[in-house]
Amino acid sequence: MLNMSTLIIQPDSKEKLSIIKAFLKAMKISFVEEKPPYSSEFVAKIRQGDEDIKAGRTKKINLDDICEYS
């Protein structure tokens, strides 16, 4: 029986992704392409927020005043 494995390949450009996909197709190796659940812009905003928190660039809001900020 063939021992199956899963590989996670993370090319850093669209060109490399195309080459890898072409190679797998030429070798008749099945693969599944999954899109990330979040856009890169959203992920960048979350990472910037994390950096802001670590750097102390935050503002405390009193719960009674929260309606002023929405």
PDB file of N, CA and C in Angstrom:
ATOM      1  N   MET A   1       0.843  -1.181   0.000  1.00  0.00           N
ATOM      2  CA  MET A   1       0.000   0.000   0.000  1.00  0.00           C
ATOM      3  C   MET A   1       0.887   1.243   0.000  1.00  0.00           C
ATOM      4  N   LEU A   2       0.479   2.241  -0.759  1.00  0.00           N
ATOM      5  CA  LEU A   2       1.228   3.478  -0.890  1.00  0.00           C
ATOM      6  C   LEU A   2       1.005   4.367   0.321  1.00  0.00           C
ATOM      7  N   ASN A   3       2.082   4.871   0.883  1.00  0.00           N
ATOM      8  CA  ASN A   3       1.993   5.768   2.030  1.00  0.00           C
ATOM      9  C   ASN A   3       1.774   7.189   1.504  1.00  0.00           C
ATOM     10  N   MET A   4       0.623   7.773   1.759  1.00  0.00           N
ATOM     11  CA  MET A   4       0.283   9.104   1.259  1.00  0.00           C
ATOM     12  C   MET A   4       0.732  10.163   2.266  1.00  0.00           C
ATOM     13  N   SER A   5       1.186  11.292   1.732  1.00  0.00           N
ATOM     14  CA  SER A   5       1.597  12.419   2.559  1.00  0.00           C
ATOM     15  C   SER A   5       0.973  13.682   2.021  1.00  0.00           C
ATOM     16  N   THR A   6       0.900  14.670   2.868  1.00  0.00           N
ATOM     17  CA  THR A   6       0.410  15.981   2.466  1.00  0.00           C
ATOM     18  C   THR A   6       1.559  16.965   2.579  1.00  0.00           C
ATOM     19  N   LEU A   7       1.761  17.738   1.530  1.00  0.00           N
ATOM     20  CA  LEU A   7       2.791  18.767   1.528  1.00  0.00           C
ATOM     21  C   LEU A   7       2.102  20.128   1.499  1.00  0.00           C
ATOM     22  N   ILE A   8       2.611  21.059   2.244  1.00  0.00           N
ATOM     23  CA  ILE A   8       2.130  22.427   2.179  1.00  0.00           C
ATOM     24  C   ILE A   8       3.246  23.247   1.552  1.00  0.00           C
ATOM     25  N   ILE A   9       2.973  23.769   0.378  1.00  0.00           N
ATOM     26  CA  ILE A   9       3.963  24.538  -0.377  1.00  0.00           C
ATOM     27  C   ILE A   9       3.506  25.988  -0.403  1.00  0.00           C
ATOM     28  N   GLN A  10       4.401  26.897  -0.052  1.00  0.00           N
ATOM     29  CA  GLN A  10       4.041  28.304   0.021  1.00  0.00           C
ATOM     30  C   GLN A  10       4.965  29.139  -0.865  1.00  0.00           C
ATOM     31  N   PRO A  11       4.710  29.161  -2.169  1.00  0.00           N
ATOM     32  CA  PRO A  11       5.547  29.966  -3.050  1.00  0.00           C
ATOM     33  C   PRO A  11       5.362  31.456  -2.749  1.00  0.00           C
ATOM     34  N   ASP A  12       6.408  32.234  -2.986  1.00  0.00           N
ATOM     35  CA  ASP A  12       6.349  33.656  -2.652  1.00  0.00           C
ATOM     36  C   ASP A  12       6.036  34.544  -3.847  1.00  0.00           C
ATOM     37  N   SER A  13       5.597  33.932  -4.950  1.00  0.00           N
ATOM     38  CA  SER A  13       5.192  34.731  -6.101  1.00  0.00           C
ATOM     39  C   SER A  13       4.190  33.926  -6.936  1.00  0.00           C
ATOM     40  N   LYS A  14       3.418  34.644  -7.752  1.00  0.00           N
ATOM     41  CA  LYS A  14       2.455  33.979  -8.630  1.00  0.00           C
ATOM     42  C   LYS A  14       3.178  33.151  -9.684  1.00  0.00           C
ATOM     43  N   GLU A  15       4.341  33.631 -10.121  1.00  0.00           N
ATOM     44  CA  GLU A  15       5.121  32.906 -11.123  1.00  0.00           C
ATOM     45  C   GLU A  15       5.544  31.537 -10.598  1.00  0.00           C
ATOM     46  N   LYS A  16       6.047  31.506  -9.360  1.00  0.00           N
ATOM     47  CA  LYS A  16       6.465  30.232  -8.770  1.00  0.00           C
ATOM     48  C   LYS A  16       5.266  29.301  -8.577  1.00  0.00           C
ATOM     49  N   LEU A  17       4.126  29.863  -8.197  1.00  0.00           N
ATOM     50  CA  LEU A  17       2.924  29.057  -8.036  1.00  0.00           C
ATOM     51  C   LEU A  17       2.532  28.415  -9.363  1.00  0.00           C
ATOM     52  N   SER A  18       2.569  29.186 -10.441  1.00  0.00           N
ATOM     53  CA  SER A  18       2.231  28.656 -11.767  1.00  0.00           C
ATOM     54  C   SER A  18       3.172  27.533 -12.168  1.00  0.00           C
ATOM     55  N   ILE A  19       4.454  27.699 -11.898  1.00  0.00           N
ATOM     56  CA  ILE A  19       5.452  26.673 -12.234  1.00  0.00           C
ATOM     57  C   ILE A  19       5.186  25.392 -11.445  1.00  0.00           C
ATOM     58  N   ILE A  20       4.917  25.542 -10.165  1.00  0.00           N
ATOM     59  CA  ILE A  20       4.655  24.367  -9.314  1.00  0.00           C
ATOM     60  C   ILE A  20       3.410  23.638  -9.789  1.00  0.00           C
ATOM     61  N   LYS A  21       2.352  24.388 -10.092  1.00  0.00           N
ATOM     62  CA  LYS A  21       1.112  23.766 -10.564  1.00  0.00           C
ATOM     63  C   LYS A  21       1.330  23.049 -11.899  1.00  0.00           C
ATOM     64  N   ALA A  22       2.088  23.666 -12.793  1.00  0.00           N
ATOM     65  CA  ALA A  22       2.377  23.035 -14.084  1.00  0.00           C
ATOM     66  C   ALA A  22       3.169  21.744 -13.895  1.00  0.00           C
ATOM     67  N   PHE A  23       4.130  21.774 -12.987  1.00  0.00           N
ATOM     68  CA  PHE A  23       4.934  20.575 -12.706  1.00  0.00           C
ATOM     69  C   PHE A  23       4.050  19.452 -12.162  1.00  0.00           C
ATOM     70  N   LEU A  24       3.202  19.772 -11.197  1.00  0.00           N
ATOM     71  CA  LEU A  24       2.335  18.747 -10.610  1.00  0.00           C
ATOM     72  C   LEU A  24       1.394  18.153 -11.656  1.00  0.00           C
ATOM     73  N   LYS A  25       0.859  19.007 -12.522  1.00  0.00           N
ATOM     74  CA  LYS A  25      -0.020  18.508 -13.588  1.00  0.00           C
ATOM     75  C   LYS A  25       0.756  17.605 -14.543  1.00  0.00           C
ATOM     76  N   ALA A  26       1.987  18.018 -14.919  1.00  0.00           N
ATOM     77  CA  ALA A  26       2.808  17.221 -15.834  1.00  0.00           C
ATOM     78  C   ALA A  26       3.147  15.866 -15.229  1.00  0.00           C
ATOM     79  N   MET A  27       3.345  15.836 -13.928  1.00  0.00           N
ATOM     80  CA  MET A  27       3.675  14.579 -13.241  1.00  0.00           C
ATOM     81  C   MET A  27       2.420  13.780 -12.869  1.00  0.00           C
ATOM     82  N   LYS A  28       1.254  14.324 -13.196  1.00  0.00           N
ATOM     83  CA  LYS A  28      -0.039  13.687 -12.881  1.00  0.00           C
ATOM     84  C   LYS A  28      -0.175  13.450 -11.371  1.00  0.00           C
ATOM     85  N   ILE A  29       0.223  14.471 -10.623  1.00  0.00           N
ATOM     86  CA  ILE A  29       0.101  14.443  -9.165  1.00  0.00           C
ATOM     87  C   ILE A  29      -1.105  15.306  -8.804  1.00  0.00           C
ATOM     88  N   SER A  30      -2.051  14.710  -8.122  1.00  0.00           N
ATOM     89  CA  SER A  30      -3.244  15.482  -7.756  1.00  0.00           C
ATOM     90  C   SER A  30      -2.896  16.484  -6.653  1.00  0.00           C
ATOM     91  N   PHE A  31      -3.569  17.619  -6.707  1.00  0.00           N
ATOM     92  CA  PHE A  31      -3.361  18.635  -5.679  1.00  0.00           C
ATOM     93  C   PHE A  31      -4.646  19.423  -5.484  1.00  0.00           C
ATOM     94  N   VAL A  32      -4.756  20.033  -4.340  1.00  0.00           N
ATOM     95  CA  VAL A  32      -5.906  20.857  -3.996  1.00  0.00           C
ATOM     96  C   VAL A  32      -5.385  22.241  -3.664  1.00  0.00           C
ATOM     97  N   GLU A  33      -5.958  23.241  -4.313  1.00  0.00           N
ATOM     98  CA  GLU A  33      -5.558  24.621  -4.037  1.00  0.00           C
ATOM     99  C   GLU A  33      -6.608  25.255  -3.135  1.00  0.00           C
ATOM    100  N   GLU A  34      -6.173  25.741  -1.998  1.00  0.00           N
ATOM    101  CA  GLU A  34      -7.085  26.399  -1.063  1.00  0.00           C
ATOM    102  C   GLU A  34      -6.734  27.876  -0.985  1.00  0.00           C
ATOM    103  N   LYS A  35      -7.743  28.692  -1.075  1.00  0.00           N
ATOM    104  CA  LYS A  35      -7.544  30.131  -0.951  1.00  0.00           C
ATOM    105  C   LYS A  35      -7.531  30.492   0.530  1.00  0.00           C
ATOM    106  N   PRO A  36      -6.713  31.467   0.924  1.00  0.00           N
ATOM    107  CA  PRO A  36      -6.715  31.898   2.320  1.00  0.00           C
ATOM    108  C   PRO A  36      -8.093  32.440   2.701  1.00  0.00           C
ATOM    109  N   PRO A  37      -8.520  32.229   3.941  1.00  0.00           N
ATOM    110  CA  PRO A  37      -9.858  32.682   4.337  1.00  0.00           C
ATOM    111  C   PRO A  37      -9.975  34.204   4.437  1.00  0.00           C
ATOM    112  N   TYR A  38      -8.864  34.911   4.542  1.00  0.00           N
ATOM    113  CA  TYR A  38      -8.889  36.364   4.685  1.00  0.00           C
ATOM    114  C   TYR A  38      -8.039  37.009   3.608  1.00  0.00           C
ATOM    115  N   SER A  39      -8.451  38.209   3.178  1.00  0.00           N
ATOM    116  CA  SER A  39      -7.668  38.934   2.181  1.00  0.00           C
ATOM    117  C   SER A  39      -6.365  39.417   2.805  1.00  0.00           C
ATOM    118  N   SER A  40      -5.366  39.623   1.972  1.00  0.00           N
ATOM    119  CA  SER A  40      -4.068  40.078   2.469  1.00  0.00           C
ATOM    120  C   SER A  40      -4.165  41.470   3.091  1.00  0.00           C
ATOM    121  N   GLU A  41      -5.075  42.305   2.578  1.00  0.00           N
ATOM    122  CA  GLU A  41      -5.255  43.645   3.150  1.00  0.00           C
ATOM    123  C   GLU A  41      -5.781  43.557   4.581  1.00  0.00           C
ATOM    124  N   PHE A  42      -6.740  42.661   4.808  1.00  0.00           N
ATOM    125  CA  PHE A  42      -7.297  42.483   6.149  1.00  0.00           C
ATOM    126  C   PHE A  42      -6.235  41.973   7.110  1.00  0.00           C
ATOM    127  N   VAL A  43      -5.462  41.004   6.678  1.00  0.00           N
ATOM    128  CA  VAL A  43      -4.398  40.447   7.521  1.00  0.00           C
ATOM    129  C   VAL A  43      -3.378  41.531   7.866  1.00  0.00           C
ATOM    130  N   ALA A  44      -3.050  42.395   6.900  1.00  0.00           N
ATOM    131  CA  ALA A  44      -2.097  43.481   7.144  1.00  0.00           C
ATOM    132  C   ALA A  44      -2.632  44.440   8.199  1.00  0.00           C
ATOM    133  N   LYS A  45      -3.928  44.733   8.155  1.00  0.00           N
ATOM    134  CA  LYS A  45      -4.534  45.627   9.151  1.00  0.00           C
ATOM    135  C   LYS A  45      -4.484  45.004  10.550  1.00  0.00           C
ATOM    136  N   ILE A  46      -4.751  43.724  10.647  1.00  0.00           N
ATOM    137  CA  ILE A  46      -4.701  43.035  11.942  1.00  0.00           C
ATOM    138  C   ILE A  46      -3.272  43.049  12.490  1.00  0.00           C
ATOM    139  N   ARG A  47      -2.308  42.769  11.634  1.00  0.00           N
ATOM    140  CA  ARG A  47      -0.900  42.783  12.076  1.00  0.00           C
ATOM    141  C   ARG A  47      -0.479  44.179  12.517  1.00  0.00           C
ATOM    142  N   GLN A  48      -0.940  45.216  11.797  1.00  0.00           N
ATOM    143  CA  GLN A  48      -0.625  46.590  12.192  1.00  0.00           C
ATOM    144  C   GLN A  48      -1.242  46.896  13.555  1.00  0.00           C
ATOM    145  N   GLY A  49      -2.454  46.426  13.788  1.00  0.00           N
ATOM    146  CA  GLY A  49      -3.093  46.610  15.087  1.00  0.00           C
ATOM    147  C   GLY A  49      -2.314  45.945  16.203  1.00  0.00           C
ATOM    148  N   ASP A  50      -1.825  44.744  15.949  1.00  0.00           N
ATOM    149  CA  ASP A  50      -1.002  44.046  16.952  1.00  0.00           C
ATOM    150  C   ASP A  50       0.272  44.837  17.258  1.00  0.00           C
ATOM    151  N   GLU A  51       0.898  45.371  16.210  1.00  0.00           N
ATOM    152  CA  GLU A  51       2.109  46.178  16.412  1.00  0.00           C
ATOM    153  C   GLU A  51       1.791  47.447  17.203  1.00  0.00           C
ATOM    154  N   ASP A  52       0.658  48.075  16.898  1.00  0.00           N
ATOM    155  CA  ASP A  52       0.247  49.279  17.626  1.00  0.00           C
ATOM    156  C   ASP A  52       0.049  48.987  19.115  1.00  0.00           C
ATOM    157  N   ILE A  53      -0.565  47.860  19.405  1.00  0.00           N
ATOM    158  CA  ILE A  53      -0.787  47.482  20.807  1.00  0.00           C
ATOM    159  C   ILE A  53       0.551  47.273  21.517  1.00  0.00           C
ATOM    160  N   LYS A  54       1.464  46.539  20.883  1.00  0.00           N
ATOM    161  CA  LYS A  54       2.778  46.282  21.485  1.00  0.00           C
ATOM    162  C   LYS A  54       3.563  47.573  21.710  1.00  0.00           C
ATOM    163  N   ALA A  55       3.377  48.548  20.801  1.00  0.00           N
ATOM    164  CA  ALA A  55       4.110  49.814  20.902  1.00  0.00           C
ATOM    165  C   ALA A  55       3.407  50.814  21.819  1.00  0.00           C
ATOM    166  N   GLY A  56       2.261  50.425  22.357  1.00  0.00           N
ATOM    167  CA  GLY A  56       1.551  51.311  23.281  1.00  0.00           C
ATOM    168  C   GLY A  56       0.718  52.380  22.594  1.00  0.00           C
ATOM    169  N   ARG A  57       0.482  52.232  21.308  1.00  0.00           N
ATOM    170  CA  ARG A  57      -0.335  53.206  20.587  1.00  0.00           C
ATOM    171  C   ARG A  57      -1.799  52.798  20.694  1.00  0.00           C
ATOM    172  N   THR A  58      -2.338  52.913  21.895  1.00  0.00           N
ATOM    173  CA  THR A  58      -3.724  52.541  22.150  1.00  0.00           C
ATOM    174  C   THR A  58      -4.412  53.664  22.915  1.00  0.00           C
ATOM    175  N   LYS A  59      -5.713  53.577  22.987  1.00  0.00           N
ATOM    176  CA  LYS A  59      -6.494  54.568  23.714  1.00  0.00           C
ATOM    177  C   LYS A  59      -7.554  53.834  24.518  1.00  0.00           C
ATOM    178  N   LYS A  60      -7.604  54.110  25.815  1.00  0.00           N
ATOM    179  CA  LYS A  60      -8.616  53.497  26.665  1.00  0.00           C
ATOM    180  C   LYS A  60      -9.894  54.311  26.570  1.00  0.00           C
ATOM    181  N   ILE A  61     -11.000  53.620  26.435  1.00  0.00           N
ATOM    182  CA  ILE A  61     -12.301  54.266  26.341  1.00  0.00           C
ATOM    183  C   ILE A  61     -13.154  53.772  27.499  1.00  0.00           C
ATOM    184  N   ASN A  62     -13.710  54.697  28.227  1.00  0.00           N
ATOM    185  CA  ASN A  62     -14.623  54.368  29.312  1.00  0.00           C
ATOM    186  C   ASN A  62     -15.879  53.757  28.713  1.00  0.00           C
ATOM    187  N   LEU A  63     -16.380  52.700  29.289  1.00  0.00           N
ATOM    188  CA  LEU A  63     -17.549  52.010  28.772  1.00  0.00           C
ATOM    189  C   LEU A  63     -18.744  52.954  28.636  1.00  0.00           C
ATOM    190  N   ASP A  64     -18.881  53.893  29.544  1.00  0.00           N
ATOM    191  CA  ASP A  64     -19.988  54.848  29.466  1.00  0.00           C
ATOM    192  C   ASP A  64     -19.860  55.796  28.269  1.00  0.00           C
ATOM    193  N   ASP A  65     -18.666  55.982  27.757  1.00  0.00           N
ATOM    194  CA  ASP A  65     -18.425  56.908  26.645  1.00  0.00           C
ATOM    195  C   ASP A  65     -18.323  56.219  25.288  1.00  0.00           C
ATOM    196  N   ILE A  66     -18.533  54.933  25.243  1.00  0.00           N
ATOM    197  CA  ILE A  66     -18.283  54.174  24.007  1.00  0.00           C
ATOM    198  C   ILE A  66     -19.201  54.621  22.855  1.00  0.00           C
ATOM    199  N   CYS A  67     -20.386  55.100  23.161  1.00  0.00           N
ATOM    200  CA  CYS A  67     -21.314  55.521  22.104  1.00  0.00           C
ATOM    201  C   CYS A  67     -20.750  56.717  21.322  1.00  0.00           C
ATOM    202  N   GLU A  68     -19.896  57.510  21.930  1.00  0.00           N
ATOM    203  CA  GLU A  68     -19.295  58.645  21.239  1.00  0.00           C
ATOM    204  C   GLU A  68     -18.361  58.221  20.113  1.00  0.00           C
ATOM    205  N   TYR A  69     -17.846  57.008  20.166  1.00  0.00           N
ATOM    206  CA  TYR A  69     -16.851  56.532  19.207  1.00  0.00           C
ATOM    207  C   TYR A  69     -17.443  55.648  18.119  1.00  0.00           C
ATOM    208  N   SER A  70     -18.732  55.408  18.145  1.00  0.00           N
ATOM    209  CA  SER A  70     -19.302  54.512  17.122  1.00  0.00           C
ATOM    210  C   SER A  70     -19.997  55.268  16.041  1.00  0.00           C
TER     211      SER A  70
END
